Amino acid sequence: LERSYESYRREYRARVMSSTIVPSLLIYNLFLVIDYLLLPGTFAIALFCHLLVVTPLLLVADLVVRQRPGLWVRECLSASMPLAMAAQLLFIFYLNRGVDNAEHYQYAISGILTYANVNQKPTFRFALVSTSILIACYCAVLIAAQTAFPTLLVGLTLITGVGYVTLVANYRMELDARYAFLRRMHDRFEYELSQHEATHDP
């Protein structure tokens, strides 16, 4: 049954991922304006990370997804894209530790987490693992950067709250998808049964 569900969802998941990568890239690279305004000292590094590291990764992921890969490859790619965005953001934040404007810069990670769990619609178990990794890395970077306690408290509260809400949304979306698949299977079975009875009634 699980294999049938995966076969049924493979085309849909690949289509969702492909359709969201390019718009996500455009929005992600628009954040360079924030880099330029808030943290001009590291803008060149941010530009390099955006255009020569993360953007090519997402474009390669798009090409792979279009080939309709299996569950593990597809979902690992789905998780790697927001994690790469988050890694770039946290790297720039760490480089600017102690700079006043950097305190606001790191809050953008909540948008990346929302994109990862709701927009990309990964399988729940993959969403849970990638969210845990992202939150752990976020906490580690903020602590390593010796972030002021008020900023640290707000950041941790925000990231855990967004993580919980988006994981619940992801879980419910997957549950709905699985129930829809079971209803479809049931309807097909009922149809085949009625066809059989119609042609074999004595």
C-alpha atoms as a PDB file:
ATOM      1  CA  LEU A   1       0.000   0.000   0.000  1.00  0.00           C
ATOM      2  CA  GLU A   2       2.857   2.368   0.861  1.00  0.00           C
ATOM      3  CA  ARG A   3       4.558   1.621  -2.459  1.00  0.00           C
ATOM      4  CA  SER A   4       1.296   2.314  -4.285  1.00  0.00           C
ATOM      5  CA  TYR A   5       0.938   5.608  -2.438  1.00  0.00           C
ATOM      6  CA  GLU A   6       4.498   6.641  -3.323  1.00  0.00           C
ATOM      7  CA  SER A   7       3.920   5.749  -6.966  1.00  0.00           C
ATOM      8  CA  TYR A   8       0.695   7.780  -6.944  1.00  0.00           C
ATOM      9  CA  ARG A   9       2.365  10.803  -5.293  1.00  0.00           C
ATOM     10  CA  ARG A  10       5.696  10.767  -7.164  1.00  0.00           C
ATOM     11  CA  GLU A  11       4.469  12.751 -10.148  1.00  0.00           C
ATOM     12  CA  TYR A  12       2.648  15.268  -7.943  1.00  0.00           C
ATOM     13  CA  ARG A  13       5.622  15.810  -5.602  1.00  0.00           C
ATOM     14  CA  ALA A  14       8.001  16.293  -8.513  1.00  0.00           C
ATOM     15  CA  ARG A  15       5.602  18.776 -10.101  1.00  0.00           C
ATOM     16  CA  VAL A  16       5.225  20.741  -6.837  1.00  0.00           C
ATOM     17  CA  MET A  17       8.973  20.910  -6.273  1.00  0.00           C
ATOM     18  CA  SER A  18       9.722  21.948  -9.871  1.00  0.00           C
ATOM     19  CA  SER A  19       7.061  24.649  -9.843  1.00  0.00           C
ATOM     20  CA  THR A  20       8.343  26.215  -6.607  1.00  0.00           C
ATOM     21  CA  ILE A  21      12.105  26.218  -7.190  1.00  0.00           C
ATOM     22  CA  VAL A  22      12.352  29.115  -9.669  1.00  0.00           C
ATOM     23  CA  PRO A  23       9.967  31.476  -7.782  1.00  0.00           C
ATOM     24  CA  SER A  24      11.761  30.575  -4.544  1.00  0.00           C
ATOM     25  CA  LEU A  25      15.093  31.406  -6.145  1.00  0.00           C
ATOM     26  CA  LEU A  26      13.823  34.804  -7.245  1.00  0.00           C
ATOM     27  CA  ILE A  27      12.534  35.633  -3.758  1.00  0.00           C
ATOM     28  CA  TYR A  28      15.682  34.258  -2.123  1.00  0.00           C
ATOM     29  CA  ASN A  29      17.968  36.373  -4.327  1.00  0.00           C
ATOM     30  CA  LEU A  30      15.839  39.465  -3.687  1.00  0.00           C
ATOM     31  CA  PHE A  31      17.050  39.171  -0.094  1.00  0.00           C
ATOM     32  CA  LEU A  32      20.379  40.481  -1.398  1.00  0.00           C
ATOM     33  CA  VAL A  33      18.772  43.914  -1.068  1.00  0.00           C
ATOM     34  CA  ILE A  34      18.532  43.274   2.695  1.00  0.00           C
ATOM     35  CA  ASP A  35      22.176  42.175   2.727  1.00  0.00           C
ATOM     36  CA  TYR A  36      23.154  45.380   0.975  1.00  0.00           C
ATOM     37  CA  LEU A  37      21.126  47.616   3.297  1.00  0.00           C
ATOM     38  CA  LEU A  38      21.707  45.898   6.650  1.00  0.00           C
ATOM     39  CA  LEU A  39      25.160  44.347   6.286  1.00  0.00           C
ATOM     40  CA  PRO A  40      27.052  46.101   3.472  1.00  0.00           C
ATOM     41  CA  GLY A  41      30.414  44.949   4.863  1.00  0.00           C
ATOM     42  CA  THR A  42      29.764  41.346   3.834  1.00  0.00           C
ATOM     43  CA  PHE A  43      27.625  42.026   0.762  1.00  0.00           C
ATOM     44  CA  ALA A  44      30.252  40.633  -1.635  1.00  0.00           C
ATOM     45  CA  ILE A  45      30.406  37.377   0.340  1.00  0.00           C
ATOM     46  CA  ALA A  46      26.609  37.175   0.429  1.00  0.00           C
ATOM     47  CA  LEU A  47      26.481  37.782  -3.331  1.00  0.00           C
ATOM     48  CA  PHE A  48      28.990  34.975  -3.893  1.00  0.00           C
ATOM     49  CA  CYS A  49      27.025  32.559  -1.667  1.00  0.00           C
ATOM     50  CA  HIS A  50      23.732  33.441  -3.325  1.00  0.00           C
ATOM     51  CA  LEU A  51      24.764  33.317  -6.963  1.00  0.00           C
ATOM     52  CA  LEU A  52      27.601  30.809  -7.025  1.00  0.00           C
ATOM     53  CA  VAL A  53      26.678  28.347  -4.259  1.00  0.00           C
ATOM     54  CA  VAL A  54      22.975  28.190  -3.368  1.00  0.00           C
ATOM     55  CA  THR A  55      21.461  29.160  -6.738  1.00  0.00           C
ATOM     56  CA  PRO A  56      23.398  26.490  -8.706  1.00  0.00           C
ATOM     57  CA  LEU A  57      22.468  23.911  -6.050  1.00  0.00           C
ATOM     58  CA  LEU A  58      18.769  24.670  -6.482  1.00  0.00           C
ATOM     59  CA  LEU A  59      19.021  24.615 -10.271  1.00  0.00           C
ATOM     60  CA  VAL A  60      20.751  21.214 -10.184  1.00  0.00           C
ATOM     61  CA  ALA A  61      18.066  19.993  -7.765  1.00  0.00           C
ATOM     62  CA  ASP A  62      15.424  21.168 -10.247  1.00  0.00           C
ATOM     63  CA  LEU A  63      17.048  19.168 -13.056  1.00  0.00           C
ATOM     64  CA  VAL A  64      17.226  16.030 -10.886  1.00  0.00           C
ATOM     65  CA  VAL A  65      13.621  16.392  -9.701  1.00  0.00           C
ATOM     66  CA  ARG A  66      12.411  16.617 -13.309  1.00  0.00           C
ATOM     67  CA  GLN A  67      13.750  13.080 -13.823  1.00  0.00           C
ATOM     68  CA  ARG A  68      11.223  11.813 -11.233  1.00  0.00           C
ATOM     69  CA  PRO A  69      13.719  10.249  -8.777  1.00  0.00           C
ATOM     70  CA  GLY A  70      12.775   7.879  -5.963  1.00  0.00           C
ATOM     71  CA  LEU A  71      11.503   8.860  -2.538  1.00  0.00           C
ATOM     72  CA  TRP A  72      14.844   9.212  -0.710  1.00  0.00           C
ATOM     73  CA  VAL A  73      16.610  11.188  -3.437  1.00  0.00           C
ATOM     74  CA  ARG A  74      13.629  13.479  -3.955  1.00  0.00           C
ATOM     75  CA  GLU A  75      12.989  14.197  -0.271  1.00  0.00           C
ATOM     76  CA  CYS A  76      16.682  14.660   0.538  1.00  0.00           C
ATOM     77  CA  LEU A  77      16.865  17.207  -2.271  1.00  0.00           C
ATOM     78  CA  SER A  78      13.730  18.867  -0.925  1.00  0.00           C
ATOM     79  CA  ALA A  79      15.369  19.164   2.505  1.00  0.00           C
ATOM     80  CA  SER A  80      18.761  20.269   1.189  1.00  0.00           C
ATOM     81  CA  MET A  81      17.449  23.392  -0.548  1.00  0.00           C
ATOM     82  CA  PRO A  82      16.113  25.282   2.504  1.00  0.00           C
ATOM     83  CA  LEU A  83      19.034  23.977   4.583  1.00  0.00           C
ATOM     84  CA  ALA A  84      21.453  25.518   2.065  1.00  0.00           C
ATOM     85  CA  MET A  85      19.578  28.831   2.253  1.00  0.00           C
ATOM     86  CA  ALA A  86      19.635  28.716   6.051  1.00  0.00           C
ATOM     87  CA  ALA A  87      23.358  27.861   6.096  1.00  0.00           C
ATOM     88  CA  GLN A  88      24.100  30.906   3.931  1.00  0.00           C
ATOM     89  CA  LEU A  89      22.022  33.166   6.154  1.00  0.00           C
ATOM     90  CA  LEU A  90      23.608  31.876   9.371  1.00  0.00           C
ATOM     91  CA  PHE A  91      27.100  32.154   7.869  1.00  0.00           C
ATOM     92  CA  ILE A  92      26.578  35.835   7.032  1.00  0.00           C
ATOM     93  CA  PHE A  93      25.042  36.421  10.455  1.00  0.00           C
ATOM     94  CA  TYR A  94      28.047  34.852  12.171  1.00  0.00           C
ATOM     95  CA  LEU A  95      30.469  36.974  10.141  1.00  0.00           C
ATOM     96  CA  ASN A  96      28.613  40.057  11.384  1.00  0.00           C
ATOM     97  CA  ARG A  97      28.379  39.015  15.041  1.00  0.00           C
ATOM     98  CA  GLY A  98      28.396  42.084  17.209  1.00  0.00           C
ATOM     99  CA  VAL A  99      27.012  44.329  14.446  1.00  0.00           C
ATOM    100  CA  ASP A 100      23.726  45.917  15.527  1.00  0.00           C
ATOM    101  CA  ASN A 101      21.820  45.294  12.282  1.00  0.00           C
ATOM    102  CA  ALA A 102      22.742  41.600  12.319  1.00  0.00           C
ATOM    103  CA  GLU A 103      20.285  41.042  15.165  1.00  0.00           C
ATOM    104  CA  HIS A 104      17.408  41.663  12.742  1.00  0.00           C
ATOM    105  CA  TYR A 105      19.019  39.797   9.841  1.00  0.00           C
ATOM    106  CA  GLN A 106      18.831  36.354  11.405  1.00  0.00           C
ATOM    107  CA  TYR A 107      15.047  36.445  11.873  1.00  0.00           C
ATOM    108  CA  ALA A 108      14.640  35.749   8.137  1.00  0.00           C
ATOM    109  CA  ILE A 109      15.292  32.100   8.920  1.00  0.00           C
ATOM    110  CA  SER A 110      11.654  31.702   9.975  1.00  0.00           C
ATOM    111  CA  GLY A 111      10.628  32.363   6.373  1.00  0.00           C
ATOM    112  CA  ILE A 112      13.015  29.659   5.162  1.00  0.00           C
ATOM    113  CA  LEU A 113      11.513  27.198   7.636  1.00  0.00           C
ATOM    114  CA  THR A 114       8.001  28.016   6.427  1.00  0.00           C
ATOM    115  CA  TYR A 115       9.110  27.514   2.829  1.00  0.00           C
ATOM    116  CA  ALA A 116      10.682  24.162   3.745  1.00  0.00           C
ATOM    117  CA  ASN A 117       7.695  22.594   5.509  1.00  0.00           C
ATOM    118  CA  VAL A 118       4.652  24.192   3.892  1.00  0.00           C
ATOM    119  CA  ASN A 119       5.666  25.320   0.417  1.00  0.00           C
ATOM    120  CA  GLN A 120       7.840  22.318  -0.452  1.00  0.00           C
ATOM    121  CA  LYS A 121       5.429  19.848   1.222  1.00  0.00           C
ATOM    122  CA  PRO A 122       8.034  17.182   2.082  1.00  0.00           C
ATOM    123  CA  THR A 123       7.089  13.862   3.640  1.00  0.00           C
ATOM    124  CA  PHE A 124       6.561  14.448   7.372  1.00  0.00           C
ATOM    125  CA  ARG A 125       9.453  12.303   8.603  1.00  0.00           C
ATOM    126  CA  PHE A 126      11.858  14.193   6.332  1.00  0.00           C
ATOM    127  CA  ALA A 127      10.348  17.509   7.417  1.00  0.00           C
ATOM    128  CA  LEU A 128      10.838  16.552  11.063  1.00  0.00           C
ATOM    129  CA  VAL A 129      14.512  15.653  10.554  1.00  0.00           C
ATOM    130  CA  SER A 130      15.352  18.724   8.441  1.00  0.00           C
ATOM    131  CA  THR A 131      13.516  21.041  10.866  1.00  0.00           C
ATOM    132  CA  SER A 132      15.433  19.564  13.809  1.00  0.00           C
ATOM    133  CA  ILE A 133      18.736  20.058  11.958  1.00  0.00           C
ATOM    134  CA  LEU A 134      17.864  23.630  11.024  1.00  0.00           C
ATOM    135  CA  ILE A 135      16.806  24.584  14.568  1.00  0.00           C
ATOM    136  CA  ALA A 136      19.898  22.916  16.072  1.00  0.00           C
ATOM    137  CA  CYS A 137      22.204  24.788  13.670  1.00  0.00           C
ATOM    138  CA  TYR A 138      20.376  28.044  14.335  1.00  0.00           C
ATOM    139  CA  CYS A 139      20.767  27.670  18.092  1.00  0.00           C
ATOM    140  CA  ALA A 140      24.430  26.670  17.772  1.00  0.00           C
ATOM    141  CA  VAL A 141      25.282  29.689  15.600  1.00  0.00           C
ATOM    142  CA  LEU A 142      23.474  32.159  17.858  1.00  0.00           C
ATOM    143  CA  ILE A 143      25.239  30.785  20.922  1.00  0.00           C
ATOM    144  CA  ALA A 144      28.624  30.702  19.154  1.00  0.00           C
ATOM    145  CA  ALA A 145      28.119  34.311  18.035  1.00  0.00           C
ATOM    146  CA  GLN A 146      27.536  35.283  21.690  1.00  0.00           C
ATOM    147  CA  THR A 147      24.231  36.865  20.768  1.00  0.00           C
ATOM    148  CA  ALA A 148      22.722  39.179  23.384  1.00  0.00           C
ATOM    149  CA  PHE A 149      20.241  37.363  25.622  1.00  0.00           C
ATOM    150  CA  PRO A 150      17.096  39.318  24.526  1.00  0.00           C
ATOM    151  CA  THR A 151      17.869  38.626  20.852  1.00  0.00           C
ATOM    152  CA  LEU A 152      18.703  35.005  21.648  1.00  0.00           C
ATOM    153  CA  LEU A 153      15.439  34.553  23.542  1.00  0.00           C
ATOM    154  CA  VAL A 154      13.331  36.118  20.769  1.00  0.00           C
ATOM    155  CA  GLY A 155      15.150  34.097  18.120  1.00  0.00           C
ATOM    156  CA  LEU A 156      14.762  30.756  19.888  1.00  0.00           C
ATOM    157  CA  THR A 157      11.108  31.431  20.696  1.00  0.00           C
ATOM    158  CA  LEU A 158      10.399  32.417  17.087  1.00  0.00           C
ATOM    159  CA  ILE A 159      12.210  29.490  15.469  1.00  0.00           C
ATOM    160  CA  THR A 160      10.687  26.842  17.742  1.00  0.00           C
ATOM    161  CA  GLY A 161       7.203  28.353  17.341  1.00  0.00           C
ATOM    162  CA  VAL A 162       7.477  28.492  13.548  1.00  0.00           C
ATOM    163  CA  GLY A 163       8.972  24.985  13.536  1.00  0.00           C
ATOM    164  CA  TYR A 164       6.069  23.572  15.545  1.00  0.00           C
ATOM    165  CA  VAL A 165       3.338  25.335  13.526  1.00  0.00           C
ATOM    166  CA  THR A 166       4.804  24.393  10.145  1.00  0.00           C
ATOM    167  CA  LEU A 167       5.386  20.777  11.182  1.00  0.00           C
ATOM    168  CA  VAL A 168       1.764  20.484  12.334  1.00  0.00           C
ATOM    169  CA  ALA A 169       0.624  21.965   9.006  1.00  0.00           C
ATOM    170  CA  ASN A 170       2.897  19.562   7.125  1.00  0.00           C
ATOM    171  CA  TYR A 171       1.596  16.574   9.097  1.00  0.00           C
ATOM    172  CA  ARG A 172      -2.028  17.501   8.429  1.00  0.00           C
ATOM    173  CA  MET A 173      -1.375  18.000   4.711  1.00  0.00           C
ATOM    174  CA  GLU A 174       0.220  14.567   4.484  1.00  0.00           C
ATOM    175  CA  LEU A 175      -2.632  13.010   6.465  1.00  0.00           C
ATOM    176  CA  ASP A 176      -5.166  14.580   4.086  1.00  0.00           C
ATOM    177  CA  ALA A 177      -3.190  13.323   1.089  1.00  0.00           C
ATOM    178  CA  ARG A 178      -3.088   9.784   2.476  1.00  0.00           C
ATOM    179  CA  TYR A 179      -6.822   9.770   3.222  1.00  0.00           C
ATOM    180  CA  ALA A 180      -7.523  11.079  -0.295  1.00  0.00           C
ATOM    181  CA  PHE A 181      -5.424   8.242  -1.721  1.00  0.00           C
ATOM    182  CA  LEU A 182      -7.304   5.651   0.357  1.00  0.00           C
ATOM    183  CA  ARG A 183     -10.660   7.083  -0.740  1.00  0.00           C
ATOM    184  CA  ARG A 184      -9.496   6.905  -4.350  1.00  0.00           C
ATOM    185  CA  MET A 185      -8.435   3.280  -3.877  1.00  0.00           C
ATOM    186  CA  HIS A 186     -11.774   2.475  -2.212  1.00  0.00           C
ATOM    187  CA  ASP A 187     -13.771   4.110  -5.005  1.00  0.00           C
ATOM    188  CA  ARG A 188     -11.801   2.211  -7.640  1.00  0.00           C
ATOM    189  CA  PHE A 189     -12.334  -1.048  -5.785  1.00  0.00           C
ATOM    190  CA  GLU A 190     -16.087  -0.380  -5.506  1.00  0.00           C
ATOM    191  CA  TYR A 191     -16.241   0.384  -9.219  1.00  0.00           C
ATOM    192  CA  GLU A 192     -14.369  -2.793 -10.160  1.00  0.00           C
ATOM    193  CA  LEU A 193     -16.586  -4.824  -7.827  1.00  0.00           C
ATOM    194  CA  SER A 194     -19.769  -3.398  -9.349  1.00  0.00           C
ATOM    195  CA  GLN A 195     -18.433  -4.078 -12.853  1.00  0.00           C
ATOM    196  CA  HIS A 196     -17.674  -7.658 -11.867  1.00  0.00           C
ATOM    197  CA  GLU A 197     -21.130  -8.159 -10.366  1.00  0.00           C
ATOM    198  CA  ALA A 198     -22.808  -6.620 -13.410  1.00  0.00           C
ATOM    199  CA  THR A 199     -21.103  -9.074 -15.764  1.00  0.00           C
ATOM    200  CA  HIS A 200     -21.359 -12.174 -13.555  1.00  0.00           C
ATOM    201  CA  ASP A 201     -24.888 -11.858 -12.161  1.00  0.00           C
ATOM    202  CA  PRO A 202     -26.721 -15.173 -12.916  1.00  0.00           C
END
